[in-house]
Amino acid sequence: MKVIVCIKQVPGVSEVKIDEKGLLVREGIPSIINPMDKNGIELAIQLKEKYDAETIVLSMGPPQAEEALREALAMGIDKAYLLTDRAFAGA
């Protein structure tokens, strides 16, 4: 069995800034894995342990999102993939 969890980095603060084009301003704002996505990671790891499943995380974002993938791998996920392209800006 393969368990895939989609994760996203989100601003780690309660106030976010949006520029005049409607895009999220990330400069100076720490990013974290969406807390709800962390629940998915934890469940995937439980399934891995119970059913010998392969666990994979998938994220979309800028190259800095690799930090979230490394965190997921450190939690016990087997593989991690990042989709990154300028076309995803602001998503």
PDB file of N, CA and C in Angstrom:
ATOM      1  N   MET A   1       0.849  -1.174   0.000  1.00  0.00           N
ATOM      2  CA  MET A   1       0.000   0.000   0.000  1.00  0.00           C
ATOM      3  C   MET A   1       0.894   1.237   0.000  1.00  0.00           C
ATOM      4  N   LYS A   2       0.475   2.247  -0.748  1.00  0.00           N
ATOM      5  CA  LYS A   2       1.151   3.547  -0.745  1.00  0.00           C
ATOM      6  C   LYS A   2       0.186   4.587  -0.189  1.00  0.00           C
ATOM      7  N   VAL A   3       0.686   5.389   0.718  1.00  0.00           N
ATOM      8  CA  VAL A   3      -0.116   6.456   1.314  1.00  0.00           C
ATOM      9  C   VAL A   3       0.528   7.781   0.915  1.00  0.00           C
ATOM     10  N   ILE A   4      -0.229   8.608   0.213  1.00  0.00           N
ATOM     11  CA  ILE A   4       0.271   9.906  -0.234  1.00  0.00           C
ATOM     12  C   ILE A   4      -0.448  11.006   0.535  1.00  0.00           C
ATOM     13  N   VAL A   5       0.328  11.926   1.083  1.00  0.00           N
ATOM     14  CA  VAL A   5      -0.226  13.060   1.822  1.00  0.00           C
ATOM     15  C   VAL A   5       0.206  14.337   1.111  1.00  0.00           C
ATOM     16  N   CYS A   6      -0.754  15.157   0.762  1.00  0.00           N
ATOM     17  CA  CYS A   6      -0.456  16.467   0.171  1.00  0.00           C
ATOM     18  C   CYS A   6      -0.288  17.460   1.313  1.00  0.00           C
ATOM     19  N   ILE A   7       0.838  18.171   1.299  1.00  0.00           N
ATOM     20  CA  ILE A   7       1.098  19.151   2.351  1.00  0.00           C
ATOM     21  C   ILE A   7       1.400  20.501   1.720  1.00  0.00           C
ATOM     22  N   LYS A   8       1.234  21.539   2.513  1.00  0.00           N
ATOM     23  CA  LYS A   8       1.476  22.900   2.026  1.00  0.00           C
ATOM     24  C   LYS A   8       2.109  23.714   3.142  1.00  0.00           C
ATOM     25  N   GLN A   9       3.087  24.515   2.785  1.00  0.00           N
ATOM     26  CA  GLN A   9       3.637  25.474   3.738  1.00  0.00           C
ATOM     27  C   GLN A   9       2.712  26.678   3.786  1.00  0.00           C
ATOM     28  N   VAL A  10       2.478  27.155   4.987  1.00  0.00           N
ATOM     29  CA  VAL A  10       1.626  28.329   5.186  1.00  0.00           C
ATOM     30  C   VAL A  10       2.374  29.319   6.079  1.00  0.00           C
ATOM     31  N   PRO A  11       1.977  30.581   6.054  1.00  0.00           N
ATOM     32  CA  PRO A  11       2.616  31.553   6.949  1.00  0.00           C
ATOM     33  C   PRO A  11       2.432  31.131   8.403  1.00  0.00           C
ATOM     34  N   GLY A  12       3.488  31.247   9.179  1.00  0.00           N
ATOM     35  CA  GLY A  12       3.445  30.847  10.578  1.00  0.00           C
ATOM     36  C   GLY A  12       3.003  31.955  11.506  1.00  0.00           C
ATOM     37  N   VAL A  13       2.268  32.898  11.002  1.00  0.00           N
ATOM     38  CA  VAL A  13       1.782  34.012  11.813  1.00  0.00           C
ATOM     39  C   VAL A  13       0.294  34.198  11.561  1.00  0.00           C
ATOM     40  N   SER A  14      -0.350  34.911  12.464  1.00  0.00           N
ATOM     41  CA  SER A  14      -1.790  35.118  12.311  1.00  0.00           C
ATOM     42  C   SER A  14      -2.120  36.206  11.293  1.00  0.00           C
ATOM     43  N   GLU A  15      -1.196  37.128  11.069  1.00  0.00           N
ATOM     44  CA  GLU A  15      -1.433  38.191  10.088  1.00  0.00           C
ATOM     45  C   GLU A  15      -0.605  37.938   8.840  1.00  0.00           C
ATOM     46  N   VAL A  16      -1.267  37.946   7.694  1.00  0.00           N
ATOM     47  CA  VAL A  16      -0.550  37.785   6.431  1.00  0.00           C
ATOM     48  C   VAL A  16      -0.653  39.079   5.639  1.00  0.00           C
ATOM     49  N   LYS A  17       0.292  39.273   4.737  1.00  0.00           N
ATOM     50  CA  LYS A  17       0.283  40.465   3.895  1.00  0.00           C
ATOM     51  C   LYS A  17       0.052  40.039   2.452  1.00  0.00           C
ATOM     52  N   ILE A  18      -0.791  40.807   1.767  1.00  0.00           N
ATOM     53  CA  ILE A  18      -1.099  40.561   0.366  1.00  0.00           C
ATOM     54  C   ILE A  18      -0.648  41.789  -0.417  1.00  0.00           C
ATOM     55  N   ASP A  19       0.042  41.563  -1.542  1.00  0.00           N
ATOM     56  CA  ASP A  19       0.499  42.707  -2.342  1.00  0.00           C
ATOM     57  C   ASP A  19      -0.619  43.220  -3.248  1.00  0.00           C
ATOM     58  N   GLU A  20      -0.318  44.265  -4.018  1.00  0.00           N
ATOM     59  CA  GLU A  20      -1.329  44.902  -4.875  1.00  0.00           C
ATOM     60  C   GLU A  20      -1.843  43.979  -5.978  1.00  0.00           C
ATOM     61  N   LYS A  21      -1.104  42.912  -6.283  1.00  0.00           N
ATOM     62  CA  LYS A  21      -1.548  41.941  -7.295  1.00  0.00           C
ATOM     63  C   LYS A  21      -2.376  40.814  -6.686  1.00  0.00           C
ATOM     64  N   GLY A  22      -2.550  40.863  -5.368  1.00  0.00           N
ATOM     65  CA  GLY A  22      -3.312  39.831  -4.684  1.00  0.00           C
ATOM     66  C   GLY A  22      -2.489  38.606  -4.318  1.00  0.00           C
ATOM     67  N   LEU A  23      -1.155  38.727  -4.365  1.00  0.00           N
ATOM     68  CA  LEU A  23      -0.278  37.607  -4.041  1.00  0.00           C
ATOM     69  C   LEU A  23       0.218  37.709  -2.603  1.00  0.00           C
ATOM     70  N   LEU A  24       0.418  36.569  -1.986  1.00  0.00           N
ATOM     71  CA  LEU A  24       0.926  36.509  -0.625  1.00  0.00           C
ATOM     72  C   LEU A  24       2.363  37.009  -0.579  1.00  0.00           C
ATOM     73  N   VAL A  25       2.642  37.902   0.365  1.00  0.00           N
ATOM     74  CA  VAL A  25       4.003  38.397   0.575  1.00  0.00           C
ATOM     75  C   VAL A  25       4.669  37.458   1.582  1.00  0.00           C
ATOM     76  N   ARG A  26       5.688  36.709   1.142  1.00  0.00           N
ATOM     77  CA  ARG A  26       6.344  35.713   1.995  1.00  0.00           C
ATOM     78  C   ARG A  26       7.597  36.240   2.677  1.00  0.00           C
ATOM     79  N   GLU A  27       8.172  37.334   2.172  1.00  0.00           N
ATOM     80  CA  GLU A  27       9.410  37.856   2.736  1.00  0.00           C
ATOM     81  C   GLU A  27       9.216  38.241   4.198  1.00  0.00           C
ATOM     82  N   GLY A  28      10.127  37.754   5.036  1.00  0.00           N
ATOM     83  CA  GLY A  28      10.092  38.099   6.445  1.00  0.00           C
ATOM     84  C   GLY A  28       9.058  37.351   7.263  1.00  0.00           C
ATOM     85  N   ILE A  29       8.333  36.442   6.648  1.00  0.00           N
ATOM     86  CA  ILE A  29       7.301  35.685   7.356  1.00  0.00           C
ATOM     87  C   ILE A  29       7.738  34.221   7.414  1.00  0.00           C
ATOM     88  N   PRO A  30       7.878  33.657   8.615  1.00  0.00           N
ATOM     89  CA  PRO A  30       8.269  32.248   8.699  1.00  0.00           C
ATOM     90  C   PRO A  30       7.161  31.346   8.159  1.00  0.00           C
ATOM     91  N   SER A  31       7.562  30.251   7.539  1.00  0.00           N
ATOM     92  CA  SER A  31       6.593  29.293   7.003  1.00  0.00           C
ATOM     93  C   SER A  31       6.629  28.013   7.823  1.00  0.00           C
ATOM     94  N   ILE A  32       5.454  27.393   7.959  1.00  0.00           N
ATOM     95  CA  ILE A  32       5.323  26.126   8.678  1.00  0.00           C
ATOM     96  C   ILE A  32       4.464  25.193   7.838  1.00  0.00           C
ATOM     97  N   ILE A  33       4.514  23.907   8.161  1.00  0.00           N
ATOM     98  CA  ILE A  33       3.582  22.974   7.533  1.00  0.00           C
ATOM     99  C   ILE A  33       2.199  23.287   8.094  1.00  0.00           C
ATOM    100  N   ASN A  34       1.216  23.355   7.220  1.00  0.00           N
ATOM    101  CA  ASN A  34      -0.157  23.558   7.669  1.00  0.00           C
ATOM    102  C   ASN A  34      -0.441  22.553   8.794  1.00  0.00           C
ATOM    103  N   PRO A  35      -0.892  23.015   9.965  1.00  0.00           N
ATOM    104  CA  PRO A  35      -1.132  22.096  11.086  1.00  0.00           C
ATOM    105  C   PRO A  35      -2.076  20.942  10.747  1.00  0.00           C
ATOM    106  N   MET A  36      -3.068  21.177   9.921  1.00  0.00           N
ATOM    107  CA  MET A  36      -3.970  20.087   9.532  1.00  0.00           C
ATOM    108  C   MET A  36      -3.232  19.060   8.669  1.00  0.00           C
ATOM    109  N   ASP A  37      -2.295  19.514   7.866  1.00  0.00           N
ATOM    110  CA  ASP A  37      -1.502  18.601   7.042  1.00  0.00           C
ATOM    111  C   ASP A  37      -0.596  17.735   7.914  1.00  0.00           C
ATOM    112  N   LYS A  38      -0.127  18.295   9.021  1.00  0.00           N
ATOM    113  CA  LYS A  38       0.694  17.499   9.949  1.00  0.00           C
ATOM    114  C   LYS A  38      -0.110  16.328  10.504  1.00  0.00           C
ATOM    115  N   ASN A  39      -1.406  16.540  10.710  1.00  0.00           N
ATOM    116  CA  ASN A  39      -2.259  15.436  11.152  1.00  0.00           C
ATOM    117  C   ASN A  39      -2.259  14.324  10.113  1.00  0.00           C
ATOM    118  N   GLY A  40      -2.306  14.698   8.840  1.00  0.00           N
ATOM    119  CA  GLY A  40      -2.262  13.714   7.762  1.00  0.00           C
ATOM    120  C   GLY A  40      -0.944  12.960   7.740  1.00  0.00           C
ATOM    121  N   ILE A  41       0.152  13.667   7.995  1.00  0.00           N
ATOM    122  CA  ILE A  41       1.465  13.023   8.055  1.00  0.00           C
ATOM    123  C   ILE A  41       1.491  11.999   9.188  1.00  0.00           C
ATOM    124  N   GLU A  42       0.988  12.391  10.340  1.00  0.00           N
ATOM    125  CA  GLU A  42       0.980  11.485  11.490  1.00  0.00           C
ATOM    126  C   GLU A  42       0.133  10.250  11.216  1.00  0.00           C
ATOM    127  N   LEU A  43      -1.013  10.421  10.570  1.00  0.00           N
ATOM    128  CA  LEU A  43      -1.860   9.279  10.234  1.00  0.00           C
ATOM    129  C   LEU A  43      -1.159   8.368   9.229  1.00  0.00           C
ATOM    130  N   ALA A  44      -0.493   8.954   8.244  1.00  0.00           N
ATOM    131  CA  ALA A  44       0.243   8.154   7.258  1.00  0.00           C
ATOM    132  C   ALA A  44       1.316   7.311   7.944  1.00  0.00           C
ATOM    133  N   ILE A  45       2.002   7.882   8.912  1.00  0.00           N
ATOM    134  CA  ILE A  45       3.040   7.141   9.633  1.00  0.00           C
ATOM    135  C   ILE A  45       2.425   6.001  10.439  1.00  0.00           C
ATOM    136  N   GLN A  46       1.257   6.235  11.023  1.00  0.00           N
ATOM    137  CA  GLN A  46       0.563   5.162  11.741  1.00  0.00           C
ATOM    138  C   GLN A  46       0.193   4.025  10.789  1.00  0.00           C
ATOM    139  N   LEU A  47      -0.291   4.376   9.594  1.00  0.00           N
ATOM    140  CA  LEU A  47      -0.632   3.350   8.606  1.00  0.00           C
ATOM    141  C   LEU A  47       0.614   2.601   8.148  1.00  0.00           C
ATOM    142  N   LYS A  48       1.716   3.322   8.023  1.00  0.00           N
ATOM    143  CA  LYS A  48       2.997   2.705   7.651  1.00  0.00           C
ATOM    144  C   LYS A  48       3.382   1.641   8.673  1.00  0.00           C
ATOM    145  N   GLU A  49       3.271   2.006   9.940  1.00  0.00           N
ATOM    146  CA  GLU A  49       3.653   1.084  11.005  1.00  0.00           C
ATOM    147  C   GLU A  49       2.708  -0.108  11.098  1.00  0.00           C
ATOM    148  N   LYS A  50       1.423   0.120  10.889  1.00  0.00           N
ATOM    149  CA  LYS A  50       0.435  -0.952  11.042  1.00  0.00           C
ATOM    150  C   LYS A  50       0.386  -1.881   9.831  1.00  0.00           C
ATOM    151  N   TYR A  51       0.512  -1.324   8.614  1.00  0.00           N
ATOM    152  CA  TYR A  51       0.320  -2.117   7.400  1.00  0.00           C
ATOM    153  C   TYR A  51       1.564  -2.198   6.518  1.00  0.00           C
ATOM    154  N   ASP A  52       2.702  -1.750   7.018  1.00  0.00           N
ATOM    155  CA  ASP A  52       3.945  -1.740   6.241  1.00  0.00           C
ATOM    156  C   ASP A  52       3.766  -0.971   4.931  1.00  0.00           C
ATOM    157  N   ALA A  53       3.076   0.152   5.019  1.00  0.00           N
ATOM    158  CA  ALA A  53       2.800   0.982   3.838  1.00  0.00           C
ATOM    159  C   ALA A  53       3.997   1.868   3.518  1.00  0.00           C
ATOM    160  N   GLU A  54       4.103   2.260   2.256  1.00  0.00           N
ATOM    161  CA  GLU A  54       5.092   3.252   1.847  1.00  0.00           C
ATOM    162  C   GLU A  54       4.421   4.617   1.954  1.00  0.00           C
ATOM    163  N   THR A  55       5.096   5.571   2.586  1.00  0.00           N
ATOM    164  CA  THR A  55       4.505   6.892   2.785  1.00  0.00           C
ATOM    165  C   THR A  55       5.224   7.927   1.936  1.00  0.00           C
ATOM    166  N   ILE A  56       4.429   8.810   1.355  1.00  0.00           N
ATOM    167  CA  ILE A  56       4.937   9.824   0.433  1.00  0.00           C
ATOM    168  C   ILE A  56       4.243  11.143   0.746  1.00  0.00           C
ATOM    169  N   VAL A  57       5.007  12.230   0.765  1.00  0.00           N
ATOM    170  CA  VAL A  57       4.388  13.552   0.835  1.00  0.00           C
ATOM    171  C   VAL A  57       4.642  14.273  -0.479  1.00  0.00           C
ATOM    172  N   LEU A  58       3.685  15.081  -0.853  1.00  0.00           N
ATOM    173  CA  LEU A  58       3.737  15.865  -2.080  1.00  0.00           C
ATOM    174  C   LEU A  58       3.374  17.293  -1.711  1.00  0.00           C
ATOM    175  N   SER A  59       4.175  18.242  -2.166  1.00  0.00           N
ATOM    176  CA  SER A  59       3.888  19.644  -1.890  1.00  0.00           C
ATOM    177  C   SER A  59       4.100  20.478  -3.140  1.00  0.00           C
ATOM    178  N   MET A  60       3.405  21.592  -3.192  1.00  0.00           N
ATOM    179  CA  MET A  60       3.544  22.554  -4.276  1.00  0.00           C
ATOM    180  C   MET A  60       3.981  23.867  -3.646  1.00  0.00           C
ATOM    181  N   GLY A  61       5.005  24.482  -4.210  1.00  0.00           N
ATOM    182  CA  GLY A  61       5.447  25.749  -3.662  1.00  0.00           C
ATOM    183  C   GLY A  61       6.804  26.150  -4.189  1.00  0.00           C
ATOM    184  N   PRO A  62       7.355  27.228  -3.627  1.00  0.00           N
ATOM    185  CA  PRO A  62       8.678  27.692  -4.046  1.00  0.00           C
ATOM    186  C   PRO A  62       9.750  26.732  -3.526  1.00  0.00           C
ATOM    187  N   PRO A  63      10.977  26.877  -4.007  1.00  0.00           N
ATOM    188  CA  PRO A  63      12.052  25.993  -3.543  1.00  0.00           C
ATOM    189  C   PRO A  63      12.196  25.943  -2.017  1.00  0.00           C
ATOM    190  N   GLN A  64      11.837  27.018  -1.329  1.00  0.00           N
ATOM    191  CA  GLN A  64      11.931  27.040   0.133  1.00  0.00           C
ATOM    192  C   GLN A  64      11.010  26.003   0.780  1.00  0.00           C
ATOM    193  N   ALA A  65      10.012  25.518   0.046  1.00  0.00           N
ATOM    194  CA  ALA A  65       9.090  24.516   0.587  1.00  0.00           C
ATOM    195  C   ALA A  65       9.788  23.183   0.838  1.00  0.00           C
ATOM    196  N   GLU A  66      11.021  23.037   0.335  1.00  0.00           N
ATOM    197  CA  GLU A  66      11.785  21.817   0.622  1.00  0.00           C
ATOM    198  C   GLU A  66      11.967  21.634   2.123  1.00  0.00           C
ATOM    199  N   GLU A  67      11.966  22.731   2.857  1.00  0.00           N
ATOM    200  CA  GLU A  67      12.084  22.659   4.316  1.00  0.00           C
ATOM    201  C   GLU A  67      10.941  21.828   4.902  1.00  0.00           C
ATOM    202  N   ALA A  68       9.733  22.012   4.403  1.00  0.00           N
ATOM    203  CA  ALA A  68       8.583  21.244   4.880  1.00  0.00           C
ATOM    204  C   ALA A  68       8.748  19.769   4.533  1.00  0.00           C
ATOM    205  N   LEU A  69       9.289  19.495   3.350  1.00  0.00           N
ATOM    206  CA  LEU A  69       9.508  18.106   2.954  1.00  0.00           C
ATOM    207  C   LEU A  69      10.538  17.445   3.864  1.00  0.00           C
ATOM    208  N   ARG A  70      11.602  18.159   4.182  1.00  0.00           N
ATOM    209  CA  ARG A  70      12.621  17.610   5.090  1.00  0.00           C
ATOM    210  C   ARG A  70      12.023  17.330   6.472  1.00  0.00           C
ATOM    211  N   GLU A  71      11.141  18.219   6.921  1.00  0.00           N
ATOM    212  CA  GLU A  71      10.492  18.002   8.217  1.00  0.00           C
ATOM    213  C   GLU A  71       9.636  16.743   8.181  1.00  0.00           C
ATOM    214  N   ALA A  72       8.895  16.552   7.093  1.00  0.00           N
ATOM    215  CA  ALA A  72       8.060  15.353   6.959  1.00  0.00           C
ATOM    216  C   ALA A  72       8.922  14.090   6.932  1.00  0.00           C
ATOM    217  N   LEU A  73      10.046  14.139   6.223  1.00  0.00           N
ATOM    218  CA  LEU A  73      10.961  12.995   6.197  1.00  0.00           C
ATOM    219  C   LEU A  73      11.503  12.710   7.595  1.00  0.00           C
ATOM    220  N   ALA A  74      11.815  13.757   8.346  1.00  0.00           N
ATOM    221  CA  ALA A  74      12.317  13.590   9.712  1.00  0.00           C
ATOM    222  C   ALA A  74      11.257  12.984  10.629  1.00  0.00           C
ATOM    223  N   MET A  75       9.987  13.228  10.313  1.00  0.00           N
ATOM    224  CA  MET A  75       8.897  12.667  11.113  1.00  0.00           C
ATOM    225  C   MET A  75       8.717  11.173  10.843  1.00  0.00           C
ATOM    226  N   GLY A  76       9.253  10.685   9.697  1.00  0.00           N
ATOM    227  CA  GLY A  76       9.135   9.261   9.385  1.00  0.00           C
ATOM    228  C   GLY A  76       8.576   8.942   8.015  1.00  0.00           C
ATOM    229  N   ILE A  77       8.297   9.958   7.215  1.00  0.00           N
ATOM    230  CA  ILE A  77       7.810   9.744   5.847  1.00  0.00           C
ATOM    231  C   ILE A  77       8.950   9.162   5.004  1.00  0.00           C
ATOM    232  N   ASP A  78       8.607   8.280   4.049  1.00  0.00           N
ATOM    233  CA  ASP A  78       9.620   7.601   3.232  1.00  0.00           C
ATOM    234  C   ASP A  78      10.149   8.441   2.069  1.00  0.00           C
ATOM    235  N   LYS A  79       9.259   9.106   1.351  1.00  0.00           N
ATOM    236  CA  LYS A  79       9.655   9.874   0.165  1.00  0.00           C
ATOM    237  C   LYS A  79       8.924  11.209   0.158  1.00  0.00           C
ATOM    238  N   ALA A  80       9.543  12.202  -0.498  1.00  0.00           N
ATOM    239  CA  ALA A  80       8.940  13.533  -0.563  1.00  0.00           C
ATOM    240  C   ALA A  80       9.216  14.148  -1.926  1.00  0.00           C
ATOM    241  N   TYR A  81       8.208  14.806  -2.486  1.00  0.00           N
ATOM    242  CA  TYR A  81       8.327  15.428  -3.804  1.00  0.00           C
ATOM    243  C   TYR A  81       7.794  16.853  -3.755  1.00  0.00           C
ATOM    244  N   LEU A  82       8.492  17.748  -4.454  1.00  0.00           N
ATOM    245  CA  LEU A  82       8.088  19.153  -4.534  1.00  0.00           C
ATOM    246  C   LEU A  82       7.768  19.515  -5.975  1.00  0.00           C
ATOM    247  N   LEU A  83       6.592  20.074  -6.190  1.00  0.00           N
ATOM    248  CA  LEU A  83       6.210  20.633  -7.485  1.00  0.00           C
ATOM    249  C   LEU A  83       6.435  22.131  -7.388  1.00  0.00           C
ATOM    250  N   THR A  84       7.282  22.667  -8.228  1.00  0.00           N
ATOM    251  CA  THR A  84       7.560  24.097  -8.165  1.00  0.00           C
ATOM    252  C   THR A  84       7.629  24.679  -9.570  1.00  0.00           C
ATOM    253  N   ASP A  85       6.963  25.810  -9.749  1.00  0.00           N
ATOM    254  CA  ASP A  85       6.931  26.496 -11.038  1.00  0.00           C
ATOM    255  C   ASP A  85       6.405  27.903 -10.789  1.00  0.00           C
ATOM    256  N   ARG A  86       6.877  28.852 -11.561  1.00  0.00           N
ATOM    257  CA  ARG A  86       6.384  30.233 -11.418  1.00  0.00           C
ATOM    258  C   ARG A  86       4.876  30.319 -11.640  1.00  0.00           C
ATOM    259  N   ALA A  87       4.327  29.401 -12.394  1.00  0.00           N
ATOM    260  CA  ALA A  87       2.883  29.398 -12.649  1.00  0.00           C
ATOM    261  C   ALA A  87       2.086  29.187 -11.366  1.00  0.00           C
ATOM    262  N   PHE A  88       2.714  28.631 -10.330  1.00  0.00           N
ATOM    263  CA  PHE A  88       2.030  28.390  -9.063  1.00  0.00           C
ATOM    264  C   PHE A  88       2.087  29.597  -8.133  1.00  0.00           C
ATOM    265  N   ALA A  89       2.706  30.686  -8.541  1.00  0.00           N
ATOM    266  CA  ALA A  89       2.885  31.854  -7.675  1.00  0.00           C
ATOM    267  C   ALA A  89       1.555  32.312  -7.089  1.00  0.00           C
ATOM    268  N   GLY A  90       1.547  32.484  -5.779  1.00  0.00           N
ATOM    269  CA  GLY A  90       0.355  32.956  -5.089  1.00  0.00           C
ATOM    270  C   GLY A  90      -0.651  31.880  -4.756  1.00  0.00           C
ATOM    271  N   ALA A  91      -0.397  30.656  -5.168  1.00  0.00           N
ATOM    272  CA  ALA A  91      -1.355  29.572  -4.909  1.00  0.00           C
ATOM    273  C   ALA A  91      -1.232  29.068  -3.490  1.00  0.00           C
TER     274      ALA A  91
END
